Amino acid sequence: MKKLLSAKPKKKCCRSKPRCKKCPLVLHKVQKAAHNGMRGKDLEKVYKLARKT
């Protein structure tokens, strides 16, 4: 999960389904969850859910 927190997002979201691993929206949701105190498997769940939306 450290890779996700330090990953640099793409310039623009392509809005494909499932969303890319470096999609700005996905990384923003993961970073927001990490800032709110989520760690480990909970953070992975946020990541998987963000890619589905």
PDB file of N, CA and C in Angstrom:
ATOM      1  N   MET A   1       0.818  -1.197   0.000  1.00  0.00           N
ATOM      2  CA  MET A   1       0.000   0.000   0.000  1.00  0.00           C
ATOM      3  C   MET A   1       0.858   1.254   0.000  1.00  0.00           C
ATOM      4  N   LYS A   2       2.120   1.136   0.381  1.00  0.00           N
ATOM      5  CA  LYS A   2       2.993   2.306   0.370  1.00  0.00           C
ATOM      6  C   LYS A   2       3.175   2.826  -1.046  1.00  0.00           C
ATOM      7  N   LYS A   3       3.134   1.903  -2.019  1.00  0.00           N
ATOM      8  CA  LYS A   3       3.273   2.311  -3.415  1.00  0.00           C
ATOM      9  C   LYS A   3       2.121   3.222  -3.825  1.00  0.00           C
ATOM     10  N   LEU A   4       0.909   2.909  -3.345  1.00  0.00           N
ATOM     11  CA  LEU A   4      -0.255   3.719  -3.698  1.00  0.00           C
ATOM     12  C   LEU A   4      -0.187   5.106  -3.087  1.00  0.00           C
ATOM     13  N   LEU A   5       0.309   5.183  -1.863  1.00  0.00           N
ATOM     14  CA  LEU A   5       0.357   6.473  -1.184  1.00  0.00           C
ATOM     15  C   LEU A   5       1.404   7.397  -1.791  1.00  0.00           C
ATOM     16  N   SER A   6       2.441   6.817  -2.393  1.00  0.00           N
ATOM     17  CA  SER A   6       3.495   7.646  -2.984  1.00  0.00           C
ATOM     18  C   SER A   6       3.396   7.715  -4.507  1.00  0.00           C
ATOM     19  N   ALA A   7       2.385   7.081  -5.095  1.00  0.00           N
ATOM     20  CA  ALA A   7       2.248   7.050  -6.553  1.00  0.00           C
ATOM     21  C   ALA A   7       1.842   8.420  -7.087  1.00  0.00           C
ATOM     22  N   LYS A   8       2.335   8.728  -8.271  1.00  0.00           N
ATOM     23  CA  LYS A   8       1.986   9.982  -8.927  1.00  0.00           C
ATOM     24  C   LYS A   8       0.819   9.710  -9.882  1.00  0.00           C
ATOM     25  N   PRO A   9      -0.283  10.458  -9.763  1.00  0.00           N
ATOM     26  CA  PRO A   9      -1.442  10.193 -10.626  1.00  0.00           C
ATOM     27  C   PRO A   9      -1.206  10.604 -12.074  1.00  0.00           C
ATOM     28  N   LYS A  10      -2.018  10.011 -12.960  1.00  0.00           N
ATOM     29  CA  LYS A  10      -1.978  10.409 -14.365  1.00  0.00           C
ATOM     30  C   LYS A  10      -2.507  11.836 -14.469  1.00  0.00           C
ATOM     31  N   LYS A  11      -2.278  12.473 -15.601  1.00  0.00           N
ATOM     32  CA  LYS A  11      -2.741  13.856 -15.762  1.00  0.00           C
ATOM     33  C   LYS A  11      -4.257  13.938 -15.852  1.00  0.00           C
ATOM     34  N   LYS A  12      -4.866  12.963 -16.531  1.00  0.00           N
ATOM     35  CA  LYS A  12      -6.302  13.022 -16.745  1.00  0.00           C
ATOM     36  C   LYS A  12      -6.910  11.630 -16.595  1.00  0.00           C
ATOM     37  N   CYS A  13      -8.101  11.582 -16.065  1.00  0.00           N
ATOM     38  CA  CYS A  13      -8.793  10.312 -15.876  1.00  0.00           C
ATOM     39  C   CYS A  13      -9.410   9.872 -17.198  1.00  0.00           C
ATOM     40  N   CYS A  14      -9.206   8.593 -17.560  1.00  0.00           N
ATOM     41  CA  CYS A  14      -9.768   8.089 -18.820  1.00  0.00           C
ATOM     42  C   CYS A  14     -11.182   7.540 -18.618  1.00  0.00           C
ATOM     43  N   ARG A  15     -11.595   7.368 -17.363  1.00  0.00           N
ATOM     44  CA  ARG A  15     -12.942   6.930 -16.986  1.00  0.00           C
ATOM     45  C   ARG A  15     -13.305   5.551 -17.519  1.00  0.00           C
ATOM     46  N   SER A  16     -12.309   4.689 -17.712  1.00  0.00           N
ATOM     47  CA  SER A  16     -12.592   3.320 -18.137  1.00  0.00           C
ATOM     48  C   SER A  16     -13.050   2.511 -16.920  1.00  0.00           C
ATOM     49  N   LYS A  17     -13.652   1.365 -17.174  1.00  0.00           N
ATOM     50  CA  LYS A  17     -14.107   0.492 -16.086  1.00  0.00           C
ATOM     51  C   LYS A  17     -13.338  -0.799 -16.155  1.00  0.00           C
ATOM     52  N   PRO A  18     -12.670  -1.271 -15.145  1.00  0.00           N
ATOM     53  CA  PRO A  18     -12.391  -0.593 -13.883  1.00  0.00           C
ATOM     54  C   PRO A  18     -11.382   0.526 -14.083  1.00  0.00           C
ATOM     55  N   ARG A  19     -11.384   1.469 -13.195  1.00  0.00           N
ATOM     56  CA  ARG A  19     -10.468   2.604 -13.330  1.00  0.00           C
ATOM     57  C   ARG A  19      -9.019   2.146 -13.214  1.00  0.00           C
ATOM     58  N   CYS A  20      -8.131   2.893 -13.851  1.00  0.00           N
ATOM     59  CA  CYS A  20      -6.697   2.568 -13.851  1.00  0.00           C
ATOM     60  C   CYS A  20      -6.140   2.625 -12.430  1.00  0.00           C
ATOM     61  N   LYS A  21      -5.008   1.972 -12.242  1.00  0.00           N
ATOM     62  CA  LYS A  21      -4.373   1.966 -10.925  1.00  0.00           C
ATOM     63  C   LYS A  21      -3.817   3.331 -10.565  1.00  0.00           C
ATOM     64  N   LYS A  22      -3.464   4.127 -11.571  1.00  0.00           N
ATOM     65  CA  LYS A  22      -2.903   5.457 -11.317  1.00  0.00           C
ATOM     66  C   LYS A  22      -3.909   6.573 -11.609  1.00  0.00           C
ATOM     67  N   CYS A  23      -5.171   6.221 -11.648  1.00  0.00           N
ATOM     68  CA  CYS A  23      -6.221   7.207 -11.899  1.00  0.00           C
ATOM     69  C   CYS A  23      -6.224   8.241 -10.764  1.00  0.00           C
ATOM     70  N   PRO A  24      -6.329   9.530 -11.089  1.00  0.00           N
ATOM     71  CA  PRO A  24      -6.333  10.569 -10.047  1.00  0.00           C
ATOM     72  C   PRO A  24      -7.445  10.369  -9.012  1.00  0.00           C
ATOM     73  N   LEU A  25      -8.613   9.945  -9.458  1.00  0.00           N
ATOM     74  CA  LEU A  25      -9.738   9.754  -8.546  1.00  0.00           C
ATOM     75  C   LEU A  25      -9.458   8.618  -7.565  1.00  0.00           C
ATOM     76  N   VAL A  26      -8.918   7.517  -8.067  1.00  0.00           N
ATOM     77  CA  VAL A  26      -8.613   6.360  -7.218  1.00  0.00           C
ATOM     78  C   VAL A  26      -7.567   6.734  -6.173  1.00  0.00           C
ATOM     79  N   LEU A  27      -6.489   7.358  -6.609  1.00  0.00           N
ATOM     80  CA  LEU A  27      -5.418   7.721  -5.682  1.00  0.00           C
ATOM     81  C   LEU A  27      -5.883   8.754  -4.664  1.00  0.00           C
ATOM     82  N   HIS A  28      -6.760   9.662  -5.081  1.00  0.00           N
ATOM     83  CA  HIS A  28      -7.285  10.667  -4.154  1.00  0.00           C
ATOM     84  C   HIS A  28      -8.105  10.004  -3.048  1.00  0.00           C
ATOM     85  N   LYS A  29      -8.954   9.037  -3.432  1.00  0.00           N
ATOM     86  CA  LYS A  29      -9.773   8.348  -2.430  1.00  0.00           C
ATOM     87  C   LYS A  29      -8.909   7.549  -1.462  1.00  0.00           C
ATOM     88  N   VAL A  30      -7.846   6.913  -1.975  1.00  0.00           N
ATOM     89  CA  VAL A  30      -6.949   6.130  -1.119  1.00  0.00           C
ATOM     90  C   VAL A  30      -6.193   7.050  -0.163  1.00  0.00           C
ATOM     91  N   GLN A  31      -5.686   8.166  -0.677  1.00  0.00           N
ATOM     92  CA  GLN A  31      -4.939   9.097   0.169  1.00  0.00           C
ATOM     93  C   GLN A  31      -5.840   9.732   1.217  1.00  0.00           C
ATOM     94  N   LYS A  32      -7.083  10.012   0.850  1.00  0.00           N
ATOM     95  CA  LYS A  32      -8.045  10.583   1.788  1.00  0.00           C
ATOM     96  C   LYS A  32      -8.345   9.592   2.919  1.00  0.00           C
ATOM     97  N   ALA A  33      -8.513   8.313   2.567  1.00  0.00           N
ATOM     98  CA  ALA A  33      -8.771   7.280   3.570  1.00  0.00           C
ATOM     99  C   ALA A  33      -7.561   7.104   4.484  1.00  0.00           C
ATOM    100  N   ALA A  34      -6.359   7.153   3.923  1.00  0.00           N
ATOM    101  CA  ALA A  34      -5.139   7.015   4.724  1.00  0.00           C
ATOM    102  C   ALA A  34      -5.003   8.188   5.687  1.00  0.00           C
ATOM    103  N   HIS A  35      -5.372   9.366   5.227  1.00  0.00           N
ATOM    104  CA  HIS A  35      -5.312  10.554   6.080  1.00  0.00           C
ATOM    105  C   HIS A  35      -6.294  10.444   7.248  1.00  0.00           C
ATOM    106  N   ASN A  36      -7.425   9.762   7.008  1.00  0.00           N
ATOM    107  CA  ASN A  36      -8.429   9.578   8.056  1.00  0.00           C
ATOM    108  C   ASN A  36      -8.090   8.438   9.006  1.00  0.00           C
ATOM    109  N   GLY A  37      -6.939   7.798   8.804  1.00  0.00           N
ATOM    110  CA  GLY A  37      -6.477   6.797   9.762  1.00  0.00           C
ATOM    111  C   GLY A  37      -6.583   5.354   9.320  1.00  0.00           C
ATOM    112  N   MET A  38      -7.023   5.083   8.105  1.00  0.00           N
ATOM    113  CA  MET A  38      -7.122   3.699   7.642  1.00  0.00           C
ATOM    114  C   MET A  38      -5.740   3.165   7.303  1.00  0.00           C
ATOM    115  N   ARG A  39      -5.534   1.890   7.596  1.00  0.00           N
ATOM    116  CA  ARG A  39      -4.254   1.236   7.327  1.00  0.00           C
ATOM    117  C   ARG A  39      -4.505  -0.182   6.820  1.00  0.00           C
ATOM    118  N   GLY A  40      -3.517  -0.766   6.197  1.00  0.00           N
ATOM    119  CA  GLY A  40      -3.513  -2.184   5.834  1.00  0.00           C
ATOM    120  C   GLY A  40      -4.660  -2.632   4.955  1.00  0.00           C
ATOM    121  N   LYS A  41      -5.360  -3.670   5.415  1.00  0.00           N
ATOM    122  CA  LYS A  41      -6.412  -4.289   4.604  1.00  0.00           C
ATOM    123  C   LYS A  41      -7.594  -3.356   4.381  1.00  0.00           C
ATOM    124  N   ASP A  42      -7.872  -2.482   5.336  1.00  0.00           N
ATOM    125  CA  ASP A  42      -8.958  -1.515   5.153  1.00  0.00           C
ATOM    126  C   ASP A  42      -8.650  -0.586   3.988  1.00  0.00           C
ATOM    127  N   LEU A  43      -7.392  -0.203   3.862  1.00  0.00           N
ATOM    128  CA  LEU A  43      -6.973   0.671   2.769  1.00  0.00           C
ATOM    129  C   LEU A  43      -7.067  -0.061   1.427  1.00  0.00           C
ATOM    130  N   GLU A  44      -6.765  -1.348   1.421  1.00  0.00           N
ATOM    131  CA  GLU A  44      -6.888  -2.140   0.194  1.00  0.00           C
ATOM    132  C   GLU A  44      -8.345  -2.240  -0.234  1.00  0.00           C
ATOM    133  N   LYS A  45      -9.262  -2.340   0.729  1.00  0.00           N
ATOM    134  CA  LYS A  45     -10.690  -2.388   0.415  1.00  0.00           C
ATOM    135  C   LYS A  45     -11.142  -1.081  -0.225  1.00  0.00           C
ATOM    136  N   VAL A  46     -10.656   0.042   0.292  1.00  0.00           N
ATOM    137  CA  VAL A  46     -10.983   1.353  -0.283  1.00  0.00           C
ATOM    138  C   VAL A  46     -10.471   1.424  -1.716  1.00  0.00           C
ATOM    139  N   TYR A  47      -9.257   0.914  -1.933  1.00  0.00           N
ATOM    140  CA  TYR A  47      -8.639   0.917  -3.261  1.00  0.00           C
ATOM    141  C   TYR A  47      -9.472   0.105  -4.256  1.00  0.00           C
ATOM    142  N   LYS A  48      -9.880  -1.094  -3.858  1.00  0.00           N
ATOM    143  CA  LYS A  48     -10.667  -1.955  -4.747  1.00  0.00           C
ATOM    144  C   LYS A  48     -12.029  -1.337  -5.045  1.00  0.00           C
ATOM    145  N   LEU A  49     -12.659  -0.747  -4.030  1.00  0.00           N
ATOM    146  CA  LEU A  49     -13.963  -0.118  -4.223  1.00  0.00           C
ATOM    147  C   LEU A  49     -13.855   1.108  -5.126  1.00  0.00           C
ATOM    148  N   ALA A  50     -12.780   1.874  -4.974  1.00  0.00           N
ATOM    149  CA  ALA A  50     -12.586   3.074  -5.794  1.00  0.00           C
ATOM    150  C   ALA A  50     -12.370   2.706  -7.257  1.00  0.00           C
ATOM    151  N   ARG A  51     -11.715   1.587  -7.518  1.00  0.00           N
ATOM    152  CA  ARG A  51     -11.495   1.162  -8.900  1.00  0.00           C
ATOM    153  C   ARG A  51     -12.790   0.696  -9.551  1.00  0.00           C
ATOM    154  N   LYS A  52     -13.737   0.193  -8.771  1.00  0.00           N
ATOM    155  CA  LYS A  52     -15.009  -0.289  -9.321  1.00  0.00           C
ATOM    156  C   LYS A  52     -15.935   0.856  -9.708  1.00  0.00           C
ATOM    157  N   THR A  53     -15.847   1.979  -8.993  1.00  0.00           N
ATOM    158  CA  THR A  53     -16.780   3.089  -9.244  1.00  0.00           C
ATOM    159  C   THR A  53     -16.369   3.913 -10.425  1.00  0.00           C
TER     160      THR A  53
END
